[in-house]
Amino acid sequence: ITHLPDSYDCDVVFPQIPPNMYNNVILYRHPKYD
C-alpha cells in the first residue's frame, strides 16, 4: 500500500485492514513526494 499524506475527499475507500490478520512494516519513504 502506498500511503499519501493528503485527503482527496474520495467516495470510494480501501477496506479496513483486519489488525489480527496482517502486520505491517514500512518499505520505503520518498522525501520529495512525501
Full PDB file with SEQRES, HELIX, SHEET, SSBOND, CRYST1, ORIGX, SCALE, CONECT and MASTER records, all heavy atoms in Angstrom:
SEQRES   1 A   34  ILE THR HIS LEU PRO ASP SER TYR ASP CYS ASP VAL VAL          
SEQRES   2 A   34  PHE PRO GLN ILE PRO PRO ASN MET TYR ASN ASN VAL ILE          
SEQRES   3 A   34  LEU TYR ARG HIS PRO LYS TYR ASP                              
CRYST1    1.000    1.000    1.000  90.00  90.00  90.00 P 1           1          
ORIGX1      1.000000  0.000000  0.000000        0.00000                         
ORIGX2      0.000000  1.000000  0.000000        0.00000                         
ORIGX3      0.000000  0.000000  1.000000        0.00000                         
SCALE1      1.000000  0.000000  0.000000        0.00000                         
SCALE2      0.000000  1.000000  0.000000        0.00000                         
SCALE3      0.000000  0.000000  1.000000        0.00000                         
ATOM      1  N   ILE A   1       0.831  -1.197   0.000  1.00  0.00           N  
ATOM      2  CA  ILE A   1       0.000   0.000   0.000  1.00  0.00           C  
ATOM      3  C   ILE A   1       0.870   1.253   0.000  1.00  0.00           C  
ATOM      4  O   ILE A   1       1.728   1.433   0.874  1.00  0.00           O  
ATOM      5  CB  ILE A   1      -0.924   0.045   1.242  1.00  0.00           C  
ATOM      6  CG1 ILE A   1      -1.672  -1.290   1.421  1.00  0.00           C  
ATOM      7  CG2 ILE A   1      -1.891   1.221   1.127  1.00  0.00           C  
ATOM      8  CD1 ILE A   1      -2.644  -1.611   0.332  1.00  0.00           C  
ATOM      9  N   THR A   2       0.650   2.104  -0.979  1.00  0.00           N  
ATOM     10  CA  THR A   2       1.247   3.434  -0.988  1.00  0.00           C  
ATOM     11  C   THR A   2       0.330   4.375  -0.208  1.00  0.00           C  
ATOM     12  O   THR A   2      -0.860   4.488  -0.516  1.00  0.00           O  
ATOM     13  CB  THR A   2       1.422   3.946  -2.419  1.00  0.00           C  
ATOM     14  OG1 THR A   2       2.282   3.065  -3.145  1.00  0.00           O  
ATOM     15  CG2 THR A   2       2.034   5.344  -2.421  1.00  0.00           C  
ATOM     16  N   HIS A   3       0.883   5.047   0.788  1.00  0.00           N  
ATOM     17  CA  HIS A   3       0.116   5.976   1.621  1.00  0.00           C  
ATOM     18  C   HIS A   3       0.493   7.415   1.259  1.00  0.00           C  
ATOM     19  O   HIS A   3       1.657   7.797   1.398  1.00  0.00           O  
ATOM     20  CB  HIS A   3       0.409   5.719   3.102  1.00  0.00           C  
ATOM     21  CG  HIS A   3      -0.116   4.424   3.612  1.00  0.00           C  
ATOM     22  ND1 HIS A   3      -1.344   4.309   4.219  1.00  0.00           N  
ATOM     23  CD2 HIS A   3       0.407   3.164   3.591  1.00  0.00           C  
ATOM     24  CE1 HIS A   3      -1.555   3.050   4.564  1.00  0.00           C  
ATOM     25  NE2 HIS A   3      -0.501   2.334   4.189  1.00  0.00           N  
ATOM     26  N   LEU A   4      -0.489   8.183   0.807  1.00  0.00           N  
ATOM     27  CA  LEU A   4      -0.291   9.597   0.508  1.00  0.00           C  
ATOM     28  C   LEU A   4      -0.665  10.432   1.733  1.00  0.00           C  
ATOM     29  O   LEU A   4      -1.541  10.034   2.511  1.00  0.00           O  
ATOM     30  CB  LEU A   4      -1.150  10.006  -0.687  1.00  0.00           C  
ATOM     31  CG  LEU A   4      -0.916   9.224  -1.990  1.00  0.00           C  
ATOM     32  CD1 LEU A   4      -1.864   9.720  -3.078  1.00  0.00           C  
ATOM     33  CD2 LEU A   4       0.527   9.335  -2.449  1.00  0.00           C  
ATOM     34  N   PRO A   5      -0.051  11.591   1.904  1.00  0.00           N  
ATOM     35  CA  PRO A   5      -0.260  12.358   3.141  1.00  0.00           C  
ATOM     36  C   PRO A   5      -1.538  13.188   3.167  1.00  0.00           C  
ATOM     37  O   PRO A   5      -1.964  13.622   4.234  1.00  0.00           O  
ATOM     38  CB  PRO A   5       0.969  13.262   3.187  1.00  0.00           C  
ATOM     39  CG  PRO A   5       1.336  13.456   1.749  1.00  0.00           C  
ATOM     40  CD  PRO A   5       1.014  12.154   1.070  1.00  0.00           C  
ATOM     41  N   ASP A   6      -2.151  13.439   2.010  1.00  0.00           N  
ATOM     42  CA  ASP A   6      -3.299  14.344   1.943  1.00  0.00           C  
ATOM     43  C   ASP A   6      -4.604  13.580   1.748  1.00  0.00           C  
ATOM     44  O   ASP A   6      -4.605  12.419   1.325  1.00  0.00           O  
ATOM     45  CB  ASP A   6      -3.113  15.338   0.795  1.00  0.00           C  
ATOM     46  CG  ASP A   6      -1.875  16.193   0.967  1.00  0.00           C  
ATOM     47  OD1 ASP A   6      -1.616  16.617   2.117  1.00  0.00           O  
ATOM     48  OD2 ASP A   6      -1.164  16.411  -0.028  1.00  0.00           O  
ATOM     49  N   SER A   7      -5.711  14.265   2.018  1.00  0.00           N  
ATOM     50  CA  SER A   7      -7.044  13.720   1.770  1.00  0.00           C  
ATOM     51  C   SER A   7      -7.603  14.312   0.482  1.00  0.00           C  
ATOM     52  O   SER A   7      -7.424  15.517   0.216  1.00  0.00           O  
ATOM     53  CB  SER A   7      -7.976  14.041   2.937  1.00  0.00           C  
ATOM     54  OG  SER A   7      -9.309  13.662   2.628  1.00  0.00           O  
ATOM     55  N   TYR A   8      -8.283  13.486  -0.312  1.00  0.00           N  
ATOM     56  CA  TYR A   8      -8.823  13.923  -1.596  1.00  0.00           C  
ATOM     57  C   TYR A   8     -10.348  13.801  -1.654  1.00  0.00           C  
ATOM     58  O   TYR A   8     -10.919  13.772  -2.731  1.00  0.00           O  
ATOM     59  CB  TYR A   8      -8.172  13.121  -2.730  1.00  0.00           C  
ATOM     60  CG  TYR A   8      -6.712  13.445  -2.924  1.00  0.00           C  
ATOM     61  CD1 TYR A   8      -5.734  12.825  -2.146  1.00  0.00           C  
ATOM     62  CD2 TYR A   8      -6.297  14.382  -3.865  1.00  0.00           C  
ATOM     63  CE1 TYR A   8      -4.389  13.124  -2.313  1.00  0.00           C  
ATOM     64  CE2 TYR A   8      -4.953  14.677  -4.041  1.00  0.00           C  
ATOM     65  CZ  TYR A   8      -4.003  14.044  -3.267  1.00  0.00           C  
ATOM     66  OH  TYR A   8      -2.666  14.341  -3.436  1.00  0.00           O  
ATOM     67  N   ASP A   9     -10.993  13.722  -0.502  1.00  0.00           N  
ATOM     68  CA  ASP A   9     -12.450  13.689  -0.445  1.00  0.00           C  
ATOM     69  C   ASP A   9     -13.003  12.564  -1.323  1.00  0.00           C  
ATOM     70  O   ASP A   9     -13.932  12.761  -2.117  1.00  0.00           O  
ATOM     71  CB  ASP A   9     -13.026  15.042  -0.863  1.00  0.00           C  
ATOM     72  CG  ASP A   9     -14.508  15.173  -0.544  1.00  0.00           C  
ATOM     73  OD1 ASP A   9     -14.964  14.499   0.412  1.00  0.00           O  
ATOM     74  OD2 ASP A   9     -15.206  15.932  -1.245  1.00  0.00           O  
ATOM     75  N   CYS A  10     -12.444  11.382  -1.169  1.00  0.00           N  
ATOM     76  CA  CYS A  10     -12.809  10.253  -2.030  1.00  0.00           C  
ATOM     77  C   CYS A  10     -14.190   9.702  -1.677  1.00  0.00           C  
ATOM     78  O   CYS A  10     -14.637   9.775  -0.530  1.00  0.00           O  
ATOM     79  CB  CYS A  10     -11.770   9.136  -1.887  1.00  0.00           C  
ATOM     80  SG  CYS A  10     -10.151   9.565  -2.568  1.00  0.00           S  
ATOM     81  N   ASP A  11     -14.862   9.143  -2.685  1.00  0.00           N  
ATOM     82  CA  ASP A  11     -16.139   8.476  -2.443  1.00  0.00           C  
ATOM     83  C   ASP A  11     -16.015   6.964  -2.448  1.00  0.00           C  
ATOM     84  O   ASP A  11     -17.001   6.252  -2.260  1.00  0.00           O  
ATOM     85  CB  ASP A  11     -17.205   8.927  -3.446  1.00  0.00           C  
ATOM     86  CG  ASP A  11     -16.762   8.800  -4.898  1.00  0.00           C  
ATOM     87  OD1 ASP A  11     -15.886   7.957  -5.190  1.00  0.00           O  
ATOM     88  OD2 ASP A  11     -17.293   9.547  -5.748  1.00  0.00           O  
ATOM     89  N   VAL A  12     -14.816   6.455  -2.691  1.00  0.00           N  
ATOM     90  CA  VAL A  12     -14.526   5.026  -2.583  1.00  0.00           C  
ATOM     91  C   VAL A  12     -13.305   4.871  -1.698  1.00  0.00           C  
ATOM     92  O   VAL A  12     -12.316   5.585  -1.874  1.00  0.00           O  
ATOM     93  CB  VAL A  12     -14.258   4.371  -3.956  1.00  0.00           C  
ATOM     94  CG1 VAL A  12     -13.999   2.867  -3.791  1.00  0.00           C  
ATOM     95  CG2 VAL A  12     -15.422   4.593  -4.906  1.00  0.00           C  
ATOM     96  N   VAL A  13     -13.368   3.976  -0.732  1.00  0.00           N  
ATOM     97  CA  VAL A  13     -12.266   3.802   0.206  1.00  0.00           C  
ATOM     98  C   VAL A  13     -11.774   2.362   0.196  1.00  0.00           C  
ATOM     99  O   VAL A  13     -12.523   1.435  -0.129  1.00  0.00           O  
ATOM    100  CB  VAL A  13     -12.662   4.209   1.647  1.00  0.00           C  
ATOM    101  CG1 VAL A  13     -13.029   5.680   1.697  1.00  0.00           C  
ATOM    102  CG2 VAL A  13     -13.792   3.341   2.173  1.00  0.00           C  
ATOM    103  N   PHE A  14     -10.507   2.224   0.552  1.00  0.00           N  
ATOM    104  CA  PHE A  14      -9.925   0.891   0.717  1.00  0.00           C  
ATOM    105  C   PHE A  14     -10.536   0.261   1.961  1.00  0.00           C  
ATOM    106  O   PHE A  14     -10.776   0.938   2.960  1.00  0.00           O  
ATOM    107  CB  PHE A  14      -8.414   1.011   0.863  1.00  0.00           C  
ATOM    108  CG  PHE A  14      -7.667  -0.273   0.739  1.00  0.00           C  
ATOM    109  CD1 PHE A  14      -7.374  -0.790  -0.504  1.00  0.00           C  
ATOM    110  CD2 PHE A  14      -7.258  -0.975   1.870  1.00  0.00           C  
ATOM    111  CE1 PHE A  14      -6.677  -1.994  -0.628  1.00  0.00           C  
ATOM    112  CE2 PHE A  14      -6.571  -2.165   1.764  1.00  0.00           C  
ATOM    113  CZ  PHE A  14      -6.281  -2.679   0.502  1.00  0.00           C  
ATOM    114  N   PRO A  15     -10.807  -1.047   1.926  1.00  0.00           N  
ATOM    115  CA  PRO A  15     -11.424  -1.683   3.101  1.00  0.00           C  
ATOM    116  C   PRO A  15     -10.518  -1.648   4.323  1.00  0.00           C  
ATOM    117  O   PRO A  15      -9.288  -1.565   4.208  1.00  0.00           O  
ATOM    118  CB  PRO A  15     -11.668  -3.127   2.639  1.00  0.00           C  
ATOM    119  CG  PRO A  15     -10.713  -3.337   1.514  1.00  0.00           C  
ATOM    120  CD  PRO A  15     -10.587  -2.007   0.833  1.00  0.00           C  
ATOM    121  N   GLN A  16     -11.129  -1.705   5.471  1.00  0.00           N  
ATOM    122  CA  GLN A  16     -10.359  -1.736   6.709  1.00  0.00           C  
ATOM    123  C   GLN A  16      -9.464  -2.977   6.725  1.00  0.00           C  
ATOM    124  O   GLN A  16      -9.900  -4.080   6.403  1.00  0.00           O  
ATOM    125  CB  GLN A  16     -11.288  -1.759   7.922  1.00  0.00           C  
ATOM    126  CG  GLN A  16     -10.566  -1.742   9.253  1.00  0.00           C  
ATOM    127  CD  GLN A  16     -11.518  -1.673  10.430  1.00  0.00           C  
ATOM    128  OE1 GLN A  16     -12.730  -1.627  10.258  1.00  0.00           O  
ATOM    129  NE2 GLN A  16     -10.976  -1.652  11.635  1.00  0.00           N  
ATOM    130  N   ILE A  17      -8.211  -2.763   7.091  1.00  0.00           N  
ATOM    131  CA  ILE A  17      -7.258  -3.877   7.143  1.00  0.00           C  
ATOM    132  C   ILE A  17      -7.418  -4.580   8.479  1.00  0.00           C  
ATOM    133  O   ILE A  17      -7.206  -3.970   9.537  1.00  0.00           O  
ATOM    134  CB  ILE A  17      -5.819  -3.370   6.965  1.00  0.00           C  
ATOM    135  CG1 ILE A  17      -5.679  -2.668   5.610  1.00  0.00           C  
ATOM    136  CG2 ILE A  17      -4.825  -4.519   7.085  1.00  0.00           C  
ATOM    137  CD1 ILE A  17      -4.345  -1.970   5.418  1.00  0.00           C  
ATOM    138  N   PRO A  18      -7.803  -5.856   8.484  1.00  0.00           N  
ATOM    139  CA  PRO A  18      -8.016  -6.559   9.759  1.00  0.00           C  
ATOM    140  C   PRO A  18      -6.718  -6.623  10.577  1.00  0.00           C  
ATOM    141  O   PRO A  18      -5.740  -7.233  10.134  1.00  0.00           O  
ATOM    142  CB  PRO A  18      -8.459  -7.960   9.324  1.00  0.00           C  
ATOM    143  CG  PRO A  18      -8.947  -7.793   7.918  1.00  0.00           C  
ATOM    144  CD  PRO A  18      -8.115  -6.704   7.323  1.00  0.00           C  
ATOM    145  N   PRO A  19      -6.672  -6.004  11.748  1.00  0.00           N  
ATOM    146  CA  PRO A  19      -5.419  -5.949  12.513  1.00  0.00           C  
ATOM    147  C   PRO A  19      -4.949  -7.307  13.008  1.00  0.00           C  
ATOM    148  O   PRO A  19      -3.755  -7.514  13.229  1.00  0.00           O  
ATOM    149  CB  PRO A  19      -5.763  -5.021  13.682  1.00  0.00           C  
ATOM    150  CG  PRO A  19      -7.247  -5.109  13.817  1.00  0.00           C  
ATOM    151  CD  PRO A  19      -7.785  -5.315  12.431  1.00  0.00           C  
ATOM    152  N   ASN A  20      -5.874  -8.234  13.171  1.00  0.00           N  
ATOM    153  CA  ASN A  20      -5.486  -9.572  13.624  1.00  0.00           C  
ATOM    154  C   ASN A  20      -5.048 -10.461  12.469  1.00  0.00           C  
ATOM    155  O   ASN A  20      -4.655 -11.604  12.680  1.00  0.00           O  
ATOM    156  CB  ASN A  20      -6.640 -10.234  14.371  1.00  0.00           C  
ATOM    157  CG  ASN A  20      -7.878 -10.394  13.493  1.00  0.00           C  
ATOM    158  OD1 ASN A  20      -8.045  -9.655  12.515  1.00  0.00           O  
ATOM    159  ND2 ASN A  20      -8.738 -11.337  13.832  1.00  0.00           N  
ATOM    160  N   MET A  21      -5.108  -9.923  11.246  1.00  0.00           N  
ATOM    161  CA  MET A  21      -4.801 -10.737  10.071  1.00  0.00           C  
ATOM    162  C   MET A  21      -3.498 -10.314   9.400  1.00  0.00           C  
ATOM    163  O   MET A  21      -2.794 -11.133   8.810  1.00  0.00           O  
ATOM    164  CB  MET A  21      -5.960 -10.634   9.065  1.00  0.00           C  
ATOM    165  CG  MET A  21      -5.916 -11.628   7.931  1.00  0.00           C  
ATOM    166  SD  MET A  21      -7.401 -11.496   6.869  1.00  0.00           S  
ATOM    167  CE  MET A  21      -8.677 -12.088   7.983  1.00  0.00           C  
ATOM    168  N   TYR A  22      -3.152  -9.025   9.513  1.00  0.00           N  
ATOM    169  CA  TYR A  22      -1.979  -8.508   8.821  1.00  0.00           C  
ATOM    170  C   TYR A  22      -1.103  -7.697   9.773  1.00  0.00           C  
ATOM    171  O   TYR A  22      -1.604  -6.945  10.611  1.00  0.00           O  
ATOM    172  CB  TYR A  22      -2.386  -7.601   7.656  1.00  0.00           C  
ATOM    173  CG  TYR A  22      -3.089  -8.326   6.526  1.00  0.00           C  
ATOM    174  CD1 TYR A  22      -4.485  -8.377   6.474  1.00  0.00           C  
ATOM    175  CD2 TYR A  22      -2.371  -8.950   5.514  1.00  0.00           C  
ATOM    176  CE1 TYR A  22      -5.133  -9.033   5.451  1.00  0.00           C  
ATOM    177  CE2 TYR A  22      -3.017  -9.611   4.484  1.00  0.00           C  
ATOM    178  CZ  TYR A  22      -4.396  -9.652   4.461  1.00  0.00           C  
ATOM    179  OH  TYR A  22      -5.038 -10.304   3.435  1.00  0.00           O  
ATOM    180  N   ASN A  23       0.214  -7.856   9.622  1.00  0.00           N  
ATOM    181  CA  ASN A  23       1.193  -6.999  10.259  1.00  0.00           C  
ATOM    182  C   ASN A  23       1.803  -6.098   9.186  1.00  0.00           C  
ATOM    183  O   ASN A  23       1.739  -6.416   7.997  1.00  0.00           O  
ATOM    184  CB  ASN A  23       2.301  -7.821  10.924  1.00  0.00           C  
ATOM    185  CG  ASN A  23       1.754  -8.715  12.022  1.00  0.00           C  
ATOM    186  OD1 ASN A  23       0.954  -8.291  12.842  1.00  0.00           O  
ATOM    187  ND2 ASN A  23       2.187  -9.972  12.024  1.00  0.00           N  
ATOM    188  N   ASN A  24       2.400  -4.982   9.575  1.00  0.00           N  
ATOM    189  CA  ASN A  24       2.953  -4.108   8.539  1.00  0.00           C  
ATOM    190  C   ASN A  24       4.343  -3.613   8.912  1.00  0.00           C  
ATOM    191  O   ASN A  24       4.717  -3.552  10.082  1.00  0.00           O  
ATOM    192  CB  ASN A  24       2.026  -2.920   8.270  1.00  0.00           C  
ATOM    193  CG  ASN A  24       2.099  -1.853   9.340  1.00  0.00           C  
ATOM    194  OD1 ASN A  24       2.992  -1.012   9.314  1.00  0.00           O  
ATOM    195  ND2 ASN A  24       1.169  -1.880  10.285  1.00  0.00           N  
ATOM    196  N   VAL A  25       5.082  -3.269   7.870  1.00  0.00           N  
ATOM    197  CA  VAL A  25       6.408  -2.694   8.028  1.00  0.00           C  
ATOM    198  C   VAL A  25       6.579  -1.682   6.907  1.00  0.00           C  
ATOM    199  O   VAL A  25       6.098  -1.886   5.791  1.00  0.00           O  
ATOM    200  CB  VAL A  25       7.502  -3.781   7.960  1.00  0.00           C  
ATOM    201  CG1 VAL A  25       7.455  -4.526   6.634  1.00  0.00           C  
ATOM    202  CG2 VAL A  25       8.888  -3.182   8.175  1.00  0.00           C  
ATOM    203  N   ILE A  26       7.231  -0.540   7.192  1.00  0.00           N  
ATOM    204  CA  ILE A  26       7.457   0.476   6.168  1.00  0.00           C  
ATOM    205  C   ILE A  26       8.585   0.014   5.248  1.00  0.00           C  
ATOM    206  O   ILE A  26       9.690  -0.293   5.698  1.00  0.00           O  
ATOM    207  CB  ILE A  26       7.798   1.832   6.802  1.00  0.00           C  
ATOM    208  CG1 ILE A  26       6.607   2.354   7.611  1.00  0.00           C  
ATOM    209  CG2 ILE A  26       8.197   2.854   5.718  1.00  0.00           C  
ATOM    210  CD1 ILE A  26       6.898   3.634   8.376  1.00  0.00           C  
ATOM    211  N   LEU A  27       8.298  -0.047   3.957  1.00  0.00           N  
ATOM    212  CA  LEU A  27       9.304  -0.444   2.983  1.00  0.00           C  
ATOM    213  C   LEU A  27      10.127   0.742   2.501  1.00  0.00           C  
ATOM    214  O   LEU A  27      11.326   0.628   2.262  1.00  0.00           O  
ATOM    215  CB  LEU A  27       8.622  -1.086   1.762  1.00  0.00           C  
ATOM    216  CG  LEU A  27       7.978  -2.450   1.925  1.00  0.00           C  
ATOM    217  CD1 LEU A  27       7.407  -2.893   0.589  1.00  0.00           C  
ATOM    218  CD2 LEU A  27       8.985  -3.477   2.420  1.00  0.00           C  
ATOM    219  N   TYR A  28       9.464   1.902   2.345  1.00  0.00           N  
ATOM    220  CA  TYR A  28      10.102   2.978   1.600  1.00  0.00           C  
ATOM    221  C   TYR A  28       9.426   4.310   1.922  1.00  0.00           C  
ATOM    222  O   TYR A  28       8.205   4.379   2.041  1.00  0.00           O  
ATOM    223  CB  TYR A  28       9.963   2.660   0.104  1.00  0.00           C  
ATOM    224  CG  TYR A  28      10.449   3.729  -0.844  1.00  0.00           C  
ATOM    225  CD1 TYR A  28      11.796   4.017  -0.974  1.00  0.00           C  
ATOM    226  CD2 TYR A  28       9.533   4.425  -1.633  1.00  0.00           C  
ATOM    227  CE1 TYR A  28      12.227   4.992  -1.856  1.00  0.00           C  
ATOM    228  CE2 TYR A  28       9.970   5.389  -2.526  1.00  0.00           C  
ATOM    229  CZ  TYR A  28      11.315   5.673  -2.625  1.00  0.00           C  
ATOM    230  OH  TYR A  28      11.741   6.633  -3.503  1.00  0.00           O  
ATOM    231  N   ARG A  29      10.227   5.350   2.068  1.00  0.00           N  
ATOM    232  CA  ARG A  29       9.722   6.715   2.205  1.00  0.00           C  
ATOM    233  C   ARG A  29      10.328   7.554   1.085  1.00  0.00           C  
ATOM    234  O   ARG A  29      11.536   7.462   0.830  1.00  0.00           O  
ATOM    235  CB  ARG A  29      10.125   7.330   3.545  1.00  0.00           C  
ATOM    236  CG  ARG A  29       9.526   6.684   4.766  1.00  0.00           C  
ATOM    237  CD  ARG A  29      10.069   7.373   6.020  1.00  0.00           C  
ATOM    238  NE  ARG A  29       9.684   6.699   7.244  1.00  0.00           N  
ATOM    239  CZ  ARG A  29       8.626   7.025   7.986  1.00  0.00           C  
ATOM    240  NH1 ARG A  29       7.837   8.021   7.580  1.00  0.00           N  
ATOM    241  NH2 ARG A  29       8.348   6.383   9.083  1.00  0.00           N  
ATOM    242  N   HIS A  30       9.517   8.364   0.426  1.00  0.00           N  
ATOM    243  CA  HIS A  30      10.024   9.235  -0.637  1.00  0.00           C  
ATOM    244  C   HIS A  30      10.013  10.674  -0.140  1.00  0.00           C  
ATOM    245  O   HIS A  30       8.945  11.228   0.127  1.00  0.00           O  
ATOM    246  CB  HIS A  30       9.166   9.108  -1.893  1.00  0.00           C  
ATOM    247  CG  HIS A  30       9.823   9.686  -3.110  1.00  0.00           C  
ATOM    248  ND1 HIS A  30       9.997  11.046  -3.293  1.00  0.00           N  
ATOM    249  CD2 HIS A  30      10.369   9.087  -4.192  1.00  0.00           C  
ATOM    250  CE1 HIS A  30      10.611  11.259  -4.439  1.00  0.00           C  
ATOM    251  NE2 HIS A  30      10.847  10.099  -5.009  1.00  0.00           N  
ATOM    252  N   PRO A  31      11.172  11.299   0.009  1.00  0.00           N  
ATOM    253  CA  PRO A  31      11.217  12.644   0.598  1.00  0.00           C  
ATOM    254  C   PRO A  31      10.564  13.713  -0.263  1.00  0.00           C  
ATOM    255  O   PRO A  31       9.932  14.634   0.248  1.00  0.00           O  
ATOM    256  CB  PRO A  31      12.718  12.902   0.755  1.00  0.00           C  
ATOM    257  CG  PRO A  31      13.378  11.988  -0.229  1.00  0.00           C  
ATOM    258  CD  PRO A  31      12.510  10.770  -0.309  1.00  0.00           C  
ATOM    259  N   LYS A  32      10.672  13.598  -1.581  1.00  0.00           N  
ATOM    260  CA  LYS A  32      10.121  14.630  -2.463  1.00  0.00           C  
ATOM    261  C   LYS A  32       8.604  14.587  -2.498  1.00  0.00           C  
ATOM    262  O   LYS A  32       7.924  15.612  -2.389  1.00  0.00           O  
ATOM    263  CB  LYS A  32      10.688  14.472  -3.874  1.00  0.00           C  
ATOM    264  CG  LYS A  32      10.141  15.511  -4.862  1.00  0.00           C  
ATOM    265  CD  LYS A  32      10.750  15.342  -6.240  1.00  0.00           C  
ATOM    266  CE  LYS A  32      10.165  16.351  -7.225  1.00  0.00           C  
ATOM    267  NZ  LYS A  32      10.737  16.189  -8.585  1.00  0.00           N  
ATOM    268  N   TYR A  33       8.043  13.388  -2.655  1.00  0.00           N  
ATOM    269  CA  TYR A  33       6.598  13.257  -2.808  1.00  0.00           C  
ATOM    270  C   TYR A  33       5.883  12.963  -1.491  1.00  0.00           C  
ATOM    271  O   TYR A  33       4.665  12.815  -1.455  1.00  0.00           O  
ATOM    272  CB  TYR A  33       6.277  12.175  -3.845  1.00  0.00           C  
ATOM    273  CG  TYR A  33       6.724  12.547  -5.229  1.00  0.00           C  
ATOM    274  CD1 TYR A  33       7.851  11.961  -5.789  1.00  0.00           C  
ATOM    275  CD2 TYR A  33       6.039  13.500  -5.973  1.00  0.00           C  
ATOM    276  CE1 TYR A  33       8.279  12.304  -7.066  1.00  0.00           C  
ATOM    277  CE2 TYR A  33       6.454  13.849  -7.244  1.00  0.00           C  
ATOM    278  CZ  TYR A  33       7.567  13.249  -7.792  1.00  0.00           C  
ATOM    279  OH  TYR A  33       7.988  13.597  -9.049  1.00  0.00           O  
ATOM    280  N   ASP A  34       6.638  12.854  -0.409  1.00  0.00           N  
ATOM    281  CA  ASP A  34       6.065  12.689   0.925  1.00  0.00           C  
ATOM    282  C   ASP A  34       5.076  11.524   0.964  1.00  0.00           C  
ATOM    283  O   ASP A  34       3.927  11.664   1.388  1.00  0.00           O  
ATOM    284  CB  ASP A  34       5.384  13.985   1.369  1.00  0.00           C  
ATOM    285  CG  ASP A  34       5.063  13.960   2.865  1.00  0.00           C  
ATOM    286  OD1 ASP A  34       5.709  13.182   3.584  1.00  0.00           O  
ATOM    287  OD2 ASP A  34       4.162  14.702   3.294  1.00  0.00           O  
TER     288      ASP A  34                                                      
MASTER        0    0    0    0    0    0    0    6  287    1    0    3          
END                                                                             
